[in-house]
Amino acid sequence: MSTNFEAKKNAVEDIKNLINSSKSIVLVDYRGINVSQDTALRKEMRNNNVVYKVIKNTLFKKACEQLGINGFDDALNGTTAFAFGLDDETIAPRMIKNAMKDYQALSVKAGYHNGKVIDEKAVITLASIPSKEQLVAQLLYVLNAPVASLARAFKAIAEKE
């Protein structure tokens, strides 16, 4: 076998590993973004444990076929970058949504979440969900509110007497 075939085979295995370890994936059309913007975006993604790569569409399609994932055919045309969210389901979509505000050239092609291919609208909806840490903080606030109100009431009664 040729070294090029082996390299492609290894690349497909790496992509399959990325897909399997990701909580969500966003396919991005990055046409029109310049090098400095791309470098800043990659750095921000890396700092948030999101793998942002430009992968050949054919290699990604091959990896998806081997994993039994269908539905990306329309999205795998033209320039495509992939944001793999490793820790949180919402981090990759949220970061891409925020980057789209800064770089108007970016656009979402599709996404992958919970074993399903999702469209641009679903990716943007996923991006609007708060992170797990924010949801836990909101829950704790709601659970703590009645106790805090009761404590204030007891304090007011004690001060009154």
N, C-alpha and C. Protein backbone atom coordinates (compact mmCIF):
# COMPACT_ATOMS: atom_id res chain seq x y z
N MET A 1 0.84 -1.19 0.00
CA MET A 1 0.00 0.00 0.00
C MET A 1 0.88 1.25 0.00
N SER A 2 0.37 2.28 -0.60
CA SER A 2 1.15 3.52 -0.68
C SER A 2 1.10 4.27 0.64
N THR A 3 2.07 5.12 0.84
CA THR A 3 2.12 5.90 2.08
C THR A 3 0.97 6.90 2.14
N ASN A 4 0.54 7.38 0.98
CA ASN A 4 -0.59 8.32 0.93
C ASN A 4 -1.87 7.63 1.40
N PHE A 5 -2.08 6.39 0.97
CA PHE A 5 -3.27 5.63 1.39
C PHE A 5 -3.23 5.40 2.90
N GLU A 6 -2.07 5.04 3.42
CA GLU A 6 -1.92 4.82 4.86
C GLU A 6 -2.18 6.11 5.65
N ALA A 7 -1.68 7.24 5.12
CA ALA A 7 -1.90 8.52 5.79
C ALA A 7 -3.39 8.85 5.83
N LYS A 8 -4.09 8.61 4.73
CA LYS A 8 -5.53 8.88 4.69
C LYS A 8 -6.28 7.94 5.63
N LYS A 9 -5.85 6.68 5.67
CA LYS A 9 -6.48 5.71 6.56
C LYS A 9 -6.29 6.13 8.02
N ASN A 10 -5.10 6.60 8.37
CA ASN A 10 -4.83 7.09 9.73
C ASN A 10 -5.64 8.34 10.02
N ALA A 11 -5.77 9.22 9.03
CA ALA A 11 -6.55 10.45 9.21
C ALA A 11 -8.02 10.11 9.47
N VAL A 12 -8.56 9.14 8.76
CA VAL A 12 -9.95 8.72 8.97
C VAL A 12 -10.12 8.15 10.37
N GLU A 13 -9.16 7.38 10.84
CA GLU A 13 -9.23 6.83 12.21
C GLU A 13 -9.20 7.96 13.25
N ASP A 14 -8.34 8.97 13.02
CA ASP A 14 -8.29 10.12 13.93
C ASP A 14 -9.63 10.86 13.95
N ILE A 15 -10.23 11.03 12.79
CA ILE A 15 -11.52 11.71 12.69
C ILE A 15 -12.59 10.90 13.42
N LYS A 16 -12.58 9.59 13.24
CA LYS A 16 -13.54 8.74 13.93
C LYS A 16 -13.38 8.86 15.45
N ASN A 17 -12.15 8.91 15.92
CA ASN A 17 -11.90 9.07 17.36
C ASN A 17 -12.43 10.42 17.85
N LEU A 18 -12.22 11.47 17.05
CA LEU A 18 -12.73 12.80 17.41
C LEU A 18 -14.26 12.80 17.47
N ILE A 19 -14.88 12.19 16.49
CA ILE A 19 -16.35 12.13 16.46
C ILE A 19 -16.87 11.39 17.68
N ASN A 20 -16.27 10.26 17.99
CA ASN A 20 -16.72 9.44 19.13
C ASN A 20 -16.50 10.13 20.47
N SER A 21 -15.47 10.96 20.58
CA SER A 21 -15.19 11.62 21.86
C SER A 21 -15.86 12.98 21.99
N SER A 22 -16.55 13.42 20.96
CA SER A 22 -17.19 14.74 20.97
C SER A 22 -18.62 14.65 21.47
N LYS A 23 -19.01 15.66 22.23
CA LYS A 23 -20.40 15.77 22.69
C LYS A 23 -21.25 16.46 21.63
N SER A 24 -20.61 17.33 20.83
CA SER A 24 -21.30 17.98 19.71
C SER A 24 -20.26 18.38 18.67
N ILE A 25 -20.73 18.50 17.43
CA ILE A 25 -19.85 18.90 16.33
C ILE A 25 -20.59 19.96 15.52
N VAL A 26 -19.85 20.99 15.11
CA VAL A 26 -20.43 22.03 14.26
C VAL A 26 -19.61 22.11 12.99
N LEU A 27 -20.28 22.05 11.85
CA LEU A 27 -19.63 22.21 10.56
C LEU A 27 -19.78 23.67 10.16
N VAL A 28 -18.65 24.30 9.83
CA VAL A 28 -18.62 25.74 9.61
C VAL A 28 -18.06 26.05 8.22
N ASP A 29 -18.71 26.97 7.53
CA ASP A 29 -18.17 27.52 6.29
C ASP A 29 -17.33 28.73 6.69
N TYR A 30 -16.02 28.63 6.52
CA TYR A 30 -15.12 29.67 6.97
C TYR A 30 -14.60 30.54 5.82
N ARG A 31 -15.20 30.43 4.66
CA ARG A 31 -14.77 31.20 3.50
C ARG A 31 -14.88 32.69 3.78
N GLY A 32 -13.80 33.42 3.57
CA GLY A 32 -13.81 34.86 3.78
C GLY A 32 -13.14 35.30 5.06
N ILE A 33 -12.74 34.37 5.90
CA ILE A 33 -12.06 34.72 7.14
C ILE A 33 -10.55 34.78 6.84
N ASN A 34 -9.88 35.78 7.39
CA ASN A 34 -8.45 35.90 7.11
C ASN A 34 -7.62 35.13 8.13
N VAL A 35 -6.32 35.06 7.91
CA VAL A 35 -5.43 34.24 8.73
C VAL A 35 -5.40 34.70 10.18
N SER A 36 -5.33 35.99 10.42
CA SER A 36 -5.26 36.47 11.81
C SER A 36 -6.56 36.17 12.55
N GLN A 37 -7.69 36.29 11.87
CA GLN A 37 -8.97 35.96 12.48
C GLN A 37 -9.05 34.46 12.78
N ASP A 38 -8.59 33.66 11.84
CA ASP A 38 -8.60 32.21 12.02
C ASP A 38 -7.69 31.80 13.18
N THR A 39 -6.54 32.43 13.29
CA THR A 39 -5.62 32.12 14.38
C THR A 39 -6.23 32.48 15.73
N ALA A 40 -6.87 33.64 15.81
CA ALA A 40 -7.52 34.05 17.06
C ALA A 40 -8.66 33.09 17.41
N LEU A 41 -9.43 32.68 16.41
CA LEU A 41 -10.53 31.75 16.63
C LEU A 41 -10.01 30.40 17.12
N ARG A 42 -8.95 29.90 16.51
CA ARG A 42 -8.38 28.62 16.92
C ARG A 42 -7.86 28.69 18.36
N LYS A 43 -7.24 29.81 18.72
CA LYS A 43 -6.71 29.96 20.08
C LYS A 43 -7.86 29.97 21.10
N GLU A 44 -8.91 30.70 20.79
CA GLU A 44 -10.06 30.76 21.69
C GLU A 44 -10.72 29.39 21.83
N MET A 45 -10.83 28.67 20.72
CA MET A 45 -11.40 27.32 20.76
C MET A 45 -10.54 26.39 21.62
N ARG A 46 -9.24 26.45 21.40
CA ARG A 46 -8.31 25.60 22.15
C ARG A 46 -8.41 25.87 23.65
N ASN A 47 -8.54 27.14 24.03
CA ASN A 47 -8.65 27.50 25.44
C ASN A 47 -9.92 26.97 26.09
N ASN A 48 -10.94 26.65 25.29
CA ASN A 48 -12.21 26.13 25.81
C ASN A 48 -12.41 24.65 25.52
N ASN A 49 -11.33 23.95 25.20
CA ASN A 49 -11.33 22.51 24.94
C ASN A 49 -12.25 22.14 23.77
N VAL A 50 -12.19 22.96 22.73
CA VAL A 50 -12.89 22.67 21.49
C VAL A 50 -11.83 22.47 20.42
N VAL A 51 -11.90 21.33 19.73
CA VAL A 51 -10.96 21.07 18.65
C VAL A 51 -11.54 21.67 17.38
N TYR A 52 -10.81 22.61 16.79
CA TYR A 52 -11.27 23.29 15.57
C TYR A 52 -10.29 22.94 14.47
N LYS A 53 -10.77 22.21 13.47
CA LYS A 53 -9.90 21.73 12.40
C LYS A 53 -10.55 21.92 11.04
N VAL A 54 -9.71 22.09 10.05
CA VAL A 54 -10.15 22.03 8.67
C VAL A 54 -9.79 20.62 8.20
N ILE A 55 -10.80 19.88 7.79
CA ILE A 55 -10.63 18.49 7.37
C ILE A 55 -11.21 18.36 5.97
N LYS A 56 -10.57 17.53 5.17
CA LYS A 56 -11.12 17.29 3.84
C LYS A 56 -12.51 16.66 3.97
N ASN A 57 -13.43 17.17 3.18
CA ASN A 57 -14.80 16.68 3.23
C ASN A 57 -14.88 15.19 2.96
N THR A 58 -14.06 14.70 2.02
CA THR A 58 -14.11 13.27 1.68
C THR A 58 -13.65 12.41 2.85
N LEU A 59 -12.65 12.87 3.60
CA LEU A 59 -12.17 12.10 4.75
C LEU A 59 -13.22 12.07 5.87
N PHE A 60 -13.86 13.22 6.10
CA PHE A 60 -14.92 13.27 7.12
C PHE A 60 -16.09 12.39 6.70
N LYS A 61 -16.44 12.43 5.43
CA LYS A 61 -17.55 11.62 4.93
C LYS A 61 -17.22 10.13 5.09
N LYS A 62 -15.99 9.76 4.81
CA LYS A 62 -15.56 8.37 4.95
C LYS A 62 -15.65 7.92 6.41
N ALA A 63 -15.21 8.78 7.33
CA ALA A 63 -15.28 8.46 8.76
C ALA A 63 -16.74 8.28 9.19
N CYS A 64 -17.60 9.16 8.71
CA CYS A 64 -19.02 9.07 9.05
C CYS A 64 -19.64 7.79 8.50
N GLU A 65 -19.27 7.42 7.28
CA GLU A 65 -19.78 6.18 6.70
C GLU A 65 -19.38 4.98 7.55
N GLN A 66 -18.13 4.97 8.01
CA GLN A 66 -17.64 3.85 8.81
C GLN A 66 -18.32 3.81 10.18
N LEU A 67 -18.76 4.95 10.68
CA LEU A 67 -19.46 5.01 11.96
C LEU A 67 -20.98 4.86 11.81
N GLY A 68 -21.45 4.82 10.57
CA GLY A 68 -22.89 4.67 10.33
C GLY A 68 -23.67 5.96 10.50
N ILE A 69 -23.01 7.09 10.31
CA ILE A 69 -23.66 8.40 10.42
C ILE A 69 -24.02 8.89 9.02
N ASN A 70 -25.28 9.21 8.82
CA ASN A 70 -25.74 9.70 7.52
C ASN A 70 -26.40 11.06 7.67
N GLY A 71 -26.39 11.85 6.60
CA GLY A 71 -27.10 13.11 6.61
C GLY A 71 -26.23 14.33 6.40
N PHE A 72 -24.94 14.15 6.26
CA PHE A 72 -24.04 15.29 6.08
C PHE A 72 -23.79 15.61 4.60
N ASP A 73 -24.39 14.88 3.68
CA ASP A 73 -24.07 15.03 2.26
C ASP A 73 -24.19 16.46 1.75
N ASP A 74 -25.26 17.15 2.13
CA ASP A 74 -25.46 18.52 1.66
C ASP A 74 -24.46 19.49 2.27
N ALA A 75 -24.04 19.23 3.49
CA ALA A 75 -23.14 20.15 4.20
C ALA A 75 -21.68 19.98 3.79
N LEU A 76 -21.34 18.83 3.25
CA LEU A 76 -19.94 18.56 2.93
C LEU A 76 -19.59 18.98 1.51
N ASN A 77 -19.81 20.25 1.23
CA ASN A 77 -19.45 20.86 -0.04
C ASN A 77 -18.70 22.15 0.25
N GLY A 78 -17.68 22.44 -0.53
CA GLY A 78 -16.94 23.69 -0.35
C GLY A 78 -16.04 23.65 0.87
N THR A 79 -15.67 24.83 1.35
CA THR A 79 -14.76 24.92 2.49
C THR A 79 -15.51 24.57 3.78
N THR A 80 -14.94 23.66 4.55
CA THR A 80 -15.59 23.25 5.79
C THR A 80 -14.56 23.12 6.89
N ALA A 81 -14.86 23.76 8.01
CA ALA A 81 -14.08 23.58 9.24
C ALA A 81 -15.01 22.87 10.22
N PHE A 82 -14.41 22.15 11.14
CA PHE A 82 -15.19 21.36 12.10
C PHE A 82 -14.80 21.77 13.51
N ALA A 83 -15.80 22.05 14.34
CA ALA A 83 -15.58 22.37 15.75
C ALA A 83 -16.13 21.21 16.57
N PHE A 84 -15.22 20.51 17.25
CA PHE A 84 -15.59 19.34 18.06
C PHE A 84 -15.62 19.76 19.52
N GLY A 85 -16.79 19.78 20.12
CA GLY A 85 -16.93 20.11 21.54
C GLY A 85 -16.71 18.87 22.38
N LEU A 86 -15.62 18.84 23.14
CA LEU A 86 -15.24 17.64 23.87
C LEU A 86 -15.86 17.55 25.26
N ASP A 87 -16.06 18.68 25.94
CA ASP A 87 -16.50 18.65 27.33
C ASP A 87 -18.00 18.87 27.52
N ASP A 88 -18.56 19.71 26.69
CA ASP A 88 -19.92 20.19 26.90
C ASP A 88 -20.65 20.18 25.56
N GLU A 89 -21.92 19.83 25.60
CA GLU A 89 -22.71 19.78 24.37
C GLU A 89 -22.89 21.15 23.73
N THR A 90 -22.86 22.18 24.54
CA THR A 90 -23.19 23.51 24.03
C THR A 90 -21.98 24.39 23.73
N ILE A 91 -20.78 23.99 24.13
CA ILE A 91 -19.63 24.89 24.01
C ILE A 91 -19.25 25.15 22.55
N ALA A 92 -19.17 24.14 21.72
CA ALA A 92 -18.79 24.36 20.32
C ALA A 92 -19.84 25.20 19.59
N PRO A 93 -21.13 24.88 19.69
CA PRO A 93 -22.12 25.75 19.03
C PRO A 93 -22.10 27.18 19.56
N ARG A 94 -21.93 27.34 20.89
CA ARG A 94 -21.91 28.69 21.47
C ARG A 94 -20.70 29.48 20.96
N MET A 95 -19.55 28.82 20.90
CA MET A 95 -18.36 29.54 20.44
C MET A 95 -18.47 29.93 18.97
N ILE A 96 -19.03 29.05 18.16
CA ILE A 96 -19.22 29.38 16.75
C ILE A 96 -20.23 30.51 16.60
N LYS A 97 -21.31 30.46 17.37
CA LYS A 97 -22.32 31.52 17.32
C LYS A 97 -21.70 32.87 17.69
N ASN A 98 -20.88 32.88 18.74
CA ASN A 98 -20.20 34.12 19.15
C ASN A 98 -19.20 34.57 18.10
N ALA A 99 -18.50 33.63 17.49
CA ALA A 99 -17.53 33.98 16.44
C ALA A 99 -18.24 34.55 15.22
N MET A 100 -19.45 34.08 14.95
CA MET A 100 -20.20 34.60 13.81
C MET A 100 -20.55 36.07 13.99
N LYS A 101 -20.68 36.51 15.25
CA LYS A 101 -20.92 37.92 15.52
C LYS A 101 -19.68 38.74 15.20
N ASP A 102 -18.51 38.19 15.53
CA ASP A 102 -17.25 38.89 15.30
C ASP A 102 -16.79 38.81 13.85
N TYR A 103 -17.01 37.66 13.23
CA TYR A 103 -16.56 37.43 11.85
C TYR A 103 -17.77 37.07 11.00
N GLN A 104 -18.30 38.03 10.30
CA GLN A 104 -19.51 37.83 9.53
C GLN A 104 -19.32 36.81 8.41
N ALA A 105 -18.06 36.50 8.07
CA ALA A 105 -17.81 35.55 7.00
C ALA A 105 -18.14 34.12 7.41
N LEU A 106 -18.15 33.82 8.70
CA LEU A 106 -18.46 32.48 9.17
C LEU A 106 -19.94 32.18 9.06
N SER A 107 -20.25 30.93 8.76
CA SER A 107 -21.65 30.50 8.78
C SER A 107 -21.69 29.01 9.13
N VAL A 108 -22.77 28.61 9.78
CA VAL A 108 -22.96 27.23 10.17
C VAL A 108 -23.57 26.46 9.01
N LYS A 109 -23.00 25.31 8.71
CA LYS A 109 -23.55 24.44 7.67
C LYS A 109 -24.48 23.39 8.28
N ALA A 110 -24.02 22.76 9.35
CA ALA A 110 -24.79 21.69 10.00
C ALA A 110 -24.13 21.38 11.33
N GLY A 111 -24.67 20.41 12.03
CA GLY A 111 -24.08 20.00 13.29
C GLY A 111 -24.40 18.55 13.57
N TYR A 112 -23.87 18.07 14.69
CA TYR A 112 -24.09 16.69 15.12
C TYR A 112 -24.20 16.69 16.63
N HIS A 113 -25.32 16.14 17.13
CA HIS A 113 -25.56 16.14 18.57
C HIS A 113 -26.45 14.95 18.92
N ASN A 114 -26.10 14.24 19.98
CA ASN A 114 -26.88 13.07 20.44
C ASN A 114 -27.12 12.05 19.33
N GLY A 115 -26.11 11.81 18.51
CA GLY A 115 -26.22 10.80 17.46
C GLY A 115 -27.05 11.21 16.26
N LYS A 116 -27.37 12.49 16.15
CA LYS A 116 -28.20 12.96 15.04
C LYS A 116 -27.55 14.14 14.34
N VAL A 117 -27.71 14.19 13.04
CA VAL A 117 -27.28 15.34 12.26
C VAL A 117 -28.35 16.41 12.43
N ILE A 118 -27.91 17.63 12.74
CA ILE A 118 -28.86 18.73 12.96
C ILE A 118 -28.56 19.87 11.99
N ASP A 119 -29.56 20.67 11.72
CA ASP A 119 -29.39 21.78 10.78
C ASP A 119 -28.89 23.03 11.50
N GLU A 120 -28.69 24.09 10.73
CA GLU A 120 -28.15 25.35 11.27
C GLU A 120 -29.03 25.90 12.39
N LYS A 121 -30.33 25.86 12.20
CA LYS A 121 -31.26 26.40 13.19
C LYS A 121 -31.12 25.65 14.52
N ALA A 122 -30.99 24.34 14.47
CA ALA A 122 -30.84 23.55 15.68
C ALA A 122 -29.50 23.82 16.36
N VAL A 123 -28.46 24.08 15.57
CA VAL A 123 -27.14 24.41 16.14
C VAL A 123 -27.23 25.73 16.90
N ILE A 124 -27.89 26.72 16.32
CA ILE A 124 -28.05 28.02 16.97
C ILE A 124 -28.90 27.88 18.23
N THR A 125 -29.93 27.05 18.19
CA THR A 125 -30.75 26.80 19.38
C THR A 125 -29.92 26.13 20.46
N LEU A 126 -29.10 25.16 20.09
CA LEU A 126 -28.22 24.49 21.04
C LEU A 126 -27.24 25.48 21.66
N ALA A 127 -26.80 26.45 20.87
CA ALA A 127 -25.86 27.46 21.36
C ALA A 127 -26.49 28.37 22.41
N SER A 128 -27.80 28.51 22.39
CA SER A 128 -28.46 29.41 23.33
C SER A 128 -28.72 28.76 24.69
N ILE A 129 -28.50 27.45 24.79
CA ILE A 129 -28.68 26.77 26.09
C ILE A 129 -27.49 27.11 26.98
N PRO A 130 -27.73 27.48 28.23
CA PRO A 130 -26.62 27.78 29.12
C PRO A 130 -25.74 26.55 29.36
N SER A 131 -24.50 26.79 29.75
CA SER A 131 -23.59 25.69 30.03
C SER A 131 -24.04 24.94 31.27
N LYS A 132 -23.47 23.78 31.48
CA LYS A 132 -23.83 22.95 32.63
C LYS A 132 -23.57 23.70 33.93
N GLU A 133 -22.46 24.41 34.02
CA GLU A 133 -22.13 25.17 35.22
C GLU A 133 -23.17 26.26 35.50
N GLN A 134 -23.60 26.94 34.45
CA GLN A 134 -24.62 27.98 34.61
C GLN A 134 -25.96 27.39 35.06
N LEU A 135 -26.31 26.24 34.49
CA LEU A 135 -27.57 25.60 34.88
C LEU A 135 -27.53 25.14 36.33
N VAL A 136 -26.40 24.60 36.77
CA VAL A 136 -26.26 24.18 38.17
C VAL A 136 -26.35 25.39 39.09
N ALA A 137 -25.71 26.49 38.71
CA ALA A 137 -25.77 27.71 39.53
C ALA A 137 -27.20 28.23 39.63
N GLN A 138 -27.94 28.21 38.52
CA GLN A 138 -29.33 28.65 38.53
C GLN A 138 -30.19 27.74 39.42
N LEU A 139 -29.95 26.44 39.34
CA LEU A 139 -30.70 25.50 40.17
C LEU A 139 -30.41 25.73 41.64
N LEU A 140 -29.15 25.92 41.98
CA LEU A 140 -28.79 26.17 43.38
C LEU A 140 -29.40 27.47 43.89
N TYR A 141 -29.44 28.48 43.05
CA TYR A 141 -30.07 29.75 43.43
C TYR A 141 -31.55 29.54 43.73
N VAL A 142 -32.22 28.79 42.85
CA VAL A 142 -33.66 28.53 43.04
C VAL A 142 -33.89 27.71 44.30
N LEU A 143 -33.05 26.72 44.55
CA LEU A 143 -33.21 25.90 45.75
C LEU A 143 -32.88 26.67 47.02
N ASN A 144 -31.96 27.62 46.93
CA ASN A 144 -31.53 28.39 48.09
C ASN A 144 -32.49 29.53 48.41
N ALA A 145 -33.24 30.00 47.44
CA ALA A 145 -34.11 31.17 47.63
C ALA A 145 -35.13 31.00 48.76
N PRO A 146 -35.86 29.90 48.85
CA PRO A 146 -36.83 29.77 49.96
C PRO A 146 -36.15 29.78 51.33
N VAL A 147 -35.02 29.12 51.44
CA VAL A 147 -34.30 29.08 52.72
C VAL A 147 -33.81 30.48 53.09
N ALA A 148 -33.31 31.20 52.10
CA ALA A 148 -32.83 32.56 52.35
C ALA A 148 -33.99 33.47 52.78
N SER A 149 -35.15 33.31 52.14
CA SER A 149 -36.32 34.11 52.51
C SER A 149 -36.77 33.79 53.93
N LEU A 150 -36.75 32.52 54.29
CA LEU A 150 -37.12 32.12 55.64
C LEU A 150 -36.15 32.69 56.67
N ALA A 151 -34.87 32.68 56.35
CA ALA A 151 -33.88 33.23 57.26
C ALA A 151 -34.08 34.74 57.45
N ARG A 152 -34.39 35.44 56.36
CA ARG A 152 -34.65 36.89 56.46
C ARG A 152 -35.89 37.15 57.30
N ALA A 153 -36.92 36.31 57.14
CA ALA A 153 -38.15 36.47 57.93
C ALA A 153 -37.87 36.25 59.41
N PHE A 154 -37.10 35.22 59.76
CA PHE A 154 -36.74 34.98 61.16
C PHE A 154 -35.92 36.13 61.72
N LYS A 155 -35.02 36.66 60.90
CA LYS A 155 -34.18 37.78 61.35
C LYS A 155 -35.06 39.01 61.61
N ALA A 156 -36.03 39.26 60.73
CA ALA A 156 -36.92 40.40 60.91
C ALA A 156 -37.77 40.26 62.16
N ILE A 157 -38.25 39.04 62.41
CA ILE A 157 -39.03 38.79 63.62
C ILE A 157 -38.17 38.98 64.86
N ALA A 158 -36.94 38.49 64.81
CA ALA A 158 -36.03 38.62 65.96
C ALA A 158 -35.69 40.09 66.23
N GLU A 159 -35.53 40.88 65.20
CA GLU A 159 -35.21 42.30 65.37
C GLU A 159 -36.42 43.07 65.88
N LYS A 160 -37.61 42.63 65.51
CA LYS A 160 -38.83 43.28 65.92
C LYS A 160 -39.07 43.09 67.43
N GLU A 161 -38.71 41.94 67.95
CA GLU A 161 -38.96 41.64 69.37
C GLU A 161 -37.87 42.13 70.22
